[in-house]
Amino acid sequence: MDEYAGRVLADRYRLPLPPSDAYEPTATRAFDTYSGQEVLVRQVPLPEVVEAEVLDADGLPEGFTARGRGARSVPAARAATRRPAEPAVR
């Protein structure tokens, strides 16, 4: 457990101290404090710039038009709960 004296990731995984000449690893060993096992933690590369989605006054993305609220969902819900007219077993 002493070898995992670095950071704690997500309040669960204890990471080892990185060597002074190390670069950013894509995968590293870690200790899972919940299960008590040694695991492999992988780095997920994220884009450096994330574009924001601009919403209009109605809360819709630019270029989208609003339909009636629940226009499709109400008939679909009714159809899903409707009893069949011709039951399979009589």
N, C-alpha and C. Protein backbone atom coordinates (compact mmCIF):
# COMPACT_ATOMS: atom_id res chain seq x y z
N MET A 1 0.83 -1.19 0.00
CA MET A 1 0.00 0.00 0.00
C MET A 1 0.87 1.25 0.00
N ASP A 2 2.08 1.16 0.55
CA ASP A 2 2.96 2.33 0.59
C ASP A 2 3.40 2.77 -0.79
N GLU A 3 3.42 1.84 -1.75
CA GLU A 3 3.83 2.23 -3.10
C GLU A 3 2.77 3.07 -3.80
N TYR A 4 1.54 3.09 -3.28
CA TYR A 4 0.46 3.90 -3.85
C TYR A 4 0.24 5.13 -2.98
N ALA A 5 1.28 5.96 -2.87
CA ALA A 5 1.23 7.13 -2.00
C ALA A 5 0.96 8.42 -2.77
N GLY A 6 0.58 8.30 -4.03
CA GLY A 6 0.31 9.49 -4.86
C GLY A 6 -1.11 9.98 -4.68
N ARG A 7 -1.65 10.52 -5.75
CA ARG A 7 -3.00 11.08 -5.72
C ARG A 7 -4.06 9.99 -5.59
N VAL A 8 -5.25 10.41 -5.18
CA VAL A 8 -6.41 9.52 -5.15
C VAL A 8 -7.36 10.00 -6.23
N LEU A 9 -7.74 9.09 -7.11
CA LEU A 9 -8.59 9.40 -8.24
C LEU A 9 -10.02 8.96 -7.93
N ALA A 10 -10.98 9.88 -8.03
CA ALA A 10 -12.41 9.60 -7.84
C ALA A 10 -12.71 9.00 -6.47
N ASP A 11 -11.97 9.41 -5.45
CA ASP A 11 -12.15 8.91 -4.08
C ASP A 11 -12.11 7.38 -4.01
N ARG A 12 -11.41 6.76 -4.96
CA ARG A 12 -11.38 5.30 -4.98
C ARG A 12 -10.02 4.72 -5.32
N TYR A 13 -9.36 5.25 -6.33
CA TYR A 13 -8.13 4.65 -6.84
C TYR A 13 -6.91 5.41 -6.35
N ARG A 14 -6.03 4.73 -5.61
CA ARG A 14 -4.79 5.34 -5.14
C ARG A 14 -3.72 5.11 -6.19
N LEU A 15 -3.14 6.20 -6.67
CA LEU A 15 -2.13 6.14 -7.72
C LEU A 15 -0.73 6.17 -7.12
N PRO A 16 0.24 5.55 -7.77
CA PRO A 16 1.61 5.61 -7.27
C PRO A 16 2.20 6.99 -7.53
N LEU A 17 3.25 7.32 -6.79
CA LEU A 17 3.96 8.57 -7.06
C LEU A 17 4.66 8.46 -8.40
N PRO A 18 4.53 9.45 -9.27
CA PRO A 18 5.19 9.37 -10.57
C PRO A 18 6.69 9.61 -10.42
N PRO A 19 7.52 8.93 -11.21
CA PRO A 19 8.95 9.22 -11.19
C PRO A 19 9.19 10.65 -11.68
N SER A 20 10.29 11.24 -11.26
CA SER A 20 10.55 12.64 -11.60
C SER A 20 10.77 12.86 -13.09
N ASP A 21 11.23 11.85 -13.81
CA ASP A 21 11.50 12.01 -15.24
C ASP A 21 10.39 11.41 -16.11
N ALA A 22 9.25 11.11 -15.52
CA ALA A 22 8.17 10.45 -16.25
C ALA A 22 7.33 11.44 -17.04
N TYR A 23 6.85 10.97 -18.16
CA TYR A 23 5.89 11.73 -18.95
C TYR A 23 4.48 11.28 -18.55
N GLU A 24 3.45 11.88 -19.13
CA GLU A 24 2.07 11.49 -18.80
C GLU A 24 1.78 10.10 -19.35
N PRO A 25 1.55 9.12 -18.49
CA PRO A 25 1.26 7.78 -18.99
C PRO A 25 -0.18 7.67 -19.50
N THR A 26 -0.40 6.77 -20.46
CA THR A 26 -1.76 6.53 -20.94
C THR A 26 -2.45 5.48 -20.08
N ALA A 27 -1.67 4.66 -19.38
CA ALA A 27 -2.21 3.67 -18.46
C ALA A 27 -1.24 3.53 -17.30
N THR A 28 -1.76 3.35 -16.11
CA THR A 28 -0.91 3.20 -14.93
C THR A 28 -1.57 2.24 -13.94
N ARG A 29 -0.75 1.65 -13.10
CA ARG A 29 -1.27 0.79 -12.04
C ARG A 29 -1.92 1.68 -10.99
N ALA A 30 -2.90 1.14 -10.30
CA ALA A 30 -3.55 1.86 -9.21
C ALA A 30 -4.08 0.82 -8.23
N PHE A 31 -4.36 1.27 -7.01
CA PHE A 31 -4.93 0.39 -5.99
C PHE A 31 -6.38 0.79 -5.78
N ASP A 32 -7.29 -0.15 -6.02
CA ASP A 32 -8.72 0.09 -5.83
C ASP A 32 -9.04 -0.08 -4.35
N THR A 33 -9.36 1.02 -3.68
CA THR A 33 -9.61 0.96 -2.24
C THR A 33 -10.92 0.28 -1.91
N TYR A 34 -11.86 0.17 -2.86
CA TYR A 34 -13.13 -0.50 -2.59
C TYR A 34 -12.98 -2.02 -2.61
N SER A 35 -12.26 -2.53 -3.62
CA SER A 35 -12.14 -3.99 -3.75
C SER A 35 -10.85 -4.53 -3.13
N GLY A 36 -9.87 -3.64 -2.89
CA GLY A 36 -8.60 -4.08 -2.33
C GLY A 36 -7.68 -4.73 -3.35
N GLN A 37 -7.94 -4.51 -4.64
CA GLN A 37 -7.14 -5.13 -5.69
C GLN A 37 -6.35 -4.08 -6.46
N GLU A 38 -5.27 -4.56 -7.07
CA GLU A 38 -4.49 -3.70 -7.96
C GLU A 38 -5.18 -3.71 -9.32
N VAL A 39 -5.37 -2.52 -9.91
CA VAL A 39 -6.07 -2.40 -11.19
C VAL A 39 -5.23 -1.57 -12.15
N LEU A 40 -5.65 -1.54 -13.40
CA LEU A 40 -5.02 -0.71 -14.41
C LEU A 40 -5.97 0.42 -14.75
N VAL A 41 -5.51 1.66 -14.60
CA VAL A 41 -6.33 2.83 -14.88
C VAL A 41 -5.81 3.45 -16.17
N ARG A 42 -6.71 3.66 -17.12
CA ARG A 42 -6.32 4.24 -18.41
C ARG A 42 -6.75 5.68 -18.50
N GLN A 43 -5.92 6.47 -19.17
CA GLN A 43 -6.21 7.88 -19.38
C GLN A 43 -7.06 8.02 -20.64
N VAL A 44 -8.13 8.80 -20.54
CA VAL A 44 -8.99 9.05 -21.68
C VAL A 44 -8.64 10.43 -22.23
N PRO A 45 -8.12 10.49 -23.46
CA PRO A 45 -7.77 11.81 -24.02
C PRO A 45 -9.03 12.60 -24.37
N LEU A 46 -9.07 13.82 -23.92
CA LEU A 46 -10.19 14.71 -24.21
C LEU A 46 -9.71 15.83 -25.12
N PRO A 47 -10.61 16.39 -25.93
CA PRO A 47 -10.19 17.51 -26.78
C PRO A 47 -9.82 18.71 -25.93
N GLU A 48 -8.88 19.51 -26.42
CA GLU A 48 -8.45 20.67 -25.65
C GLU A 48 -9.51 21.76 -25.64
N VAL A 49 -10.28 21.84 -26.72
CA VAL A 49 -11.33 22.85 -26.81
C VAL A 49 -12.66 22.14 -27.01
N VAL A 50 -13.61 22.46 -26.18
CA VAL A 50 -14.95 21.90 -26.30
C VAL A 50 -15.88 23.04 -26.68
N GLU A 51 -16.59 22.87 -27.80
CA GLU A 51 -17.48 23.93 -28.25
C GLU A 51 -18.76 23.90 -27.43
N ALA A 52 -19.22 25.07 -27.07
CA ALA A 52 -20.47 25.19 -26.32
C ALA A 52 -21.64 25.18 -27.28
N GLU A 53 -22.75 24.67 -26.83
CA GLU A 53 -23.96 24.68 -27.63
C GLU A 53 -24.75 25.92 -27.24
N VAL A 54 -25.00 26.79 -28.20
CA VAL A 54 -25.70 28.04 -27.92
C VAL A 54 -27.19 27.79 -28.03
N LEU A 55 -27.93 28.15 -27.00
CA LEU A 55 -29.37 27.95 -26.97
C LEU A 55 -30.09 29.26 -27.20
N ASP A 56 -31.26 29.17 -27.84
CA ASP A 56 -32.05 30.38 -28.05
C ASP A 56 -32.96 30.61 -26.84
N ALA A 57 -33.89 31.55 -26.95
CA ALA A 57 -34.75 31.91 -25.83
C ALA A 57 -35.64 30.75 -25.40
N ASP A 58 -35.99 29.84 -26.32
CA ASP A 58 -36.84 28.70 -25.98
C ASP A 58 -36.04 27.54 -25.40
N GLY A 59 -34.73 27.69 -25.32
CA GLY A 59 -33.89 26.62 -24.80
C GLY A 59 -33.54 25.57 -25.83
N LEU A 60 -33.66 25.92 -27.11
CA LEU A 60 -33.33 24.99 -28.19
C LEU A 60 -32.02 25.40 -28.85
N PRO A 61 -31.27 24.43 -29.37
CA PRO A 61 -30.06 24.78 -30.12
C PRO A 61 -30.42 25.61 -31.34
N GLU A 62 -29.47 26.43 -31.76
CA GLU A 62 -29.68 27.30 -32.91
C GLU A 62 -30.07 26.49 -34.14
N GLY A 63 -31.13 26.90 -34.85
CA GLY A 63 -31.56 26.22 -36.05
C GLY A 63 -32.66 25.20 -35.83
N PHE A 64 -33.00 24.87 -34.59
CA PHE A 64 -34.07 23.92 -34.32
C PHE A 64 -35.36 24.67 -34.06
N THR A 65 -36.46 24.12 -34.50
CA THR A 65 -37.76 24.75 -34.25
C THR A 65 -38.52 23.92 -33.23
N ALA A 66 -39.30 24.60 -32.43
CA ALA A 66 -40.05 23.92 -31.38
C ALA A 66 -41.32 23.30 -31.95
N ARG A 67 -41.61 22.08 -31.56
CA ARG A 67 -42.88 21.44 -31.89
C ARG A 67 -43.74 21.53 -30.64
N GLY A 68 -44.99 21.14 -30.77
CA GLY A 68 -45.86 21.12 -29.60
C GLY A 68 -45.27 20.20 -28.54
N ARG A 69 -45.33 20.62 -27.31
CA ARG A 69 -44.75 19.81 -26.24
C ARG A 69 -45.45 18.47 -26.15
N GLY A 70 -44.70 17.43 -26.25
CA GLY A 70 -45.25 16.09 -26.13
C GLY A 70 -46.11 15.66 -27.29
N ALA A 71 -45.97 16.30 -28.45
CA ALA A 71 -46.82 15.99 -29.59
C ALA A 71 -46.70 14.53 -29.99
N ARG A 72 -45.51 13.98 -29.94
CA ARG A 72 -45.33 12.57 -30.31
C ARG A 72 -45.46 11.65 -29.12
N SER A 73 -45.15 12.13 -27.94
CA SER A 73 -45.09 11.22 -26.80
C SER A 73 -46.46 10.83 -26.28
N VAL A 74 -47.46 11.70 -26.37
CA VAL A 74 -48.78 11.38 -25.84
C VAL A 74 -49.43 10.24 -26.62
N PRO A 75 -49.52 10.31 -27.97
CA PRO A 75 -50.11 9.18 -28.70
C PRO A 75 -49.32 7.88 -28.52
N ALA A 76 -48.01 7.98 -28.44
CA ALA A 76 -47.19 6.78 -28.25
C ALA A 76 -47.47 6.15 -26.89
N ALA A 77 -47.63 6.97 -25.87
CA ALA A 77 -47.93 6.45 -24.53
C ALA A 77 -49.31 5.81 -24.50
N ARG A 78 -50.27 6.43 -25.16
CA ARG A 78 -51.62 5.86 -25.21
C ARG A 78 -51.60 4.51 -25.93
N ALA A 79 -50.88 4.43 -27.04
CA ALA A 79 -50.81 3.19 -27.80
C ALA A 79 -50.14 2.08 -27.00
N ALA A 80 -49.16 2.45 -26.20
CA ALA A 80 -48.44 1.45 -25.42
C ALA A 80 -49.28 0.89 -24.28
N THR A 81 -50.21 1.69 -23.76
CA THR A 81 -51.02 1.24 -22.63
C THR A 81 -52.39 0.73 -23.04
N ARG A 82 -52.74 0.84 -24.30
CA ARG A 82 -54.06 0.42 -24.79
C ARG A 82 -54.16 -1.10 -24.76
N ARG A 83 -55.32 -1.58 -24.38
CA ARG A 83 -55.56 -3.02 -24.41
C ARG A 83 -55.83 -3.43 -25.85
N PRO A 84 -55.34 -4.57 -26.26
CA PRO A 84 -55.57 -5.00 -27.64
C PRO A 84 -57.05 -5.27 -27.91
N ALA A 85 -57.51 -4.91 -29.11
CA ALA A 85 -58.91 -5.13 -29.48
C ALA A 85 -59.17 -6.62 -29.70
N GLU A 86 -58.20 -7.33 -30.23
CA GLU A 86 -58.32 -8.76 -30.50
C GLU A 86 -57.29 -9.49 -29.64
N PRO A 87 -57.63 -9.91 -28.46
CA PRO A 87 -56.65 -10.62 -27.64
C PRO A 87 -56.24 -11.94 -28.30
N ALA A 88 -55.02 -12.33 -28.08
CA ALA A 88 -54.50 -13.55 -28.69
C ALA A 88 -55.15 -14.80 -28.09
N VAL A 89 -55.50 -14.75 -26.82
CA VAL A 89 -56.12 -15.89 -26.14
C VAL A 89 -57.53 -15.50 -25.77
N ARG A 90 -58.51 -16.35 -26.13
CA ARG A 90 -59.92 -16.04 -25.80
C ARG A 90 -60.41 -16.97 -24.74
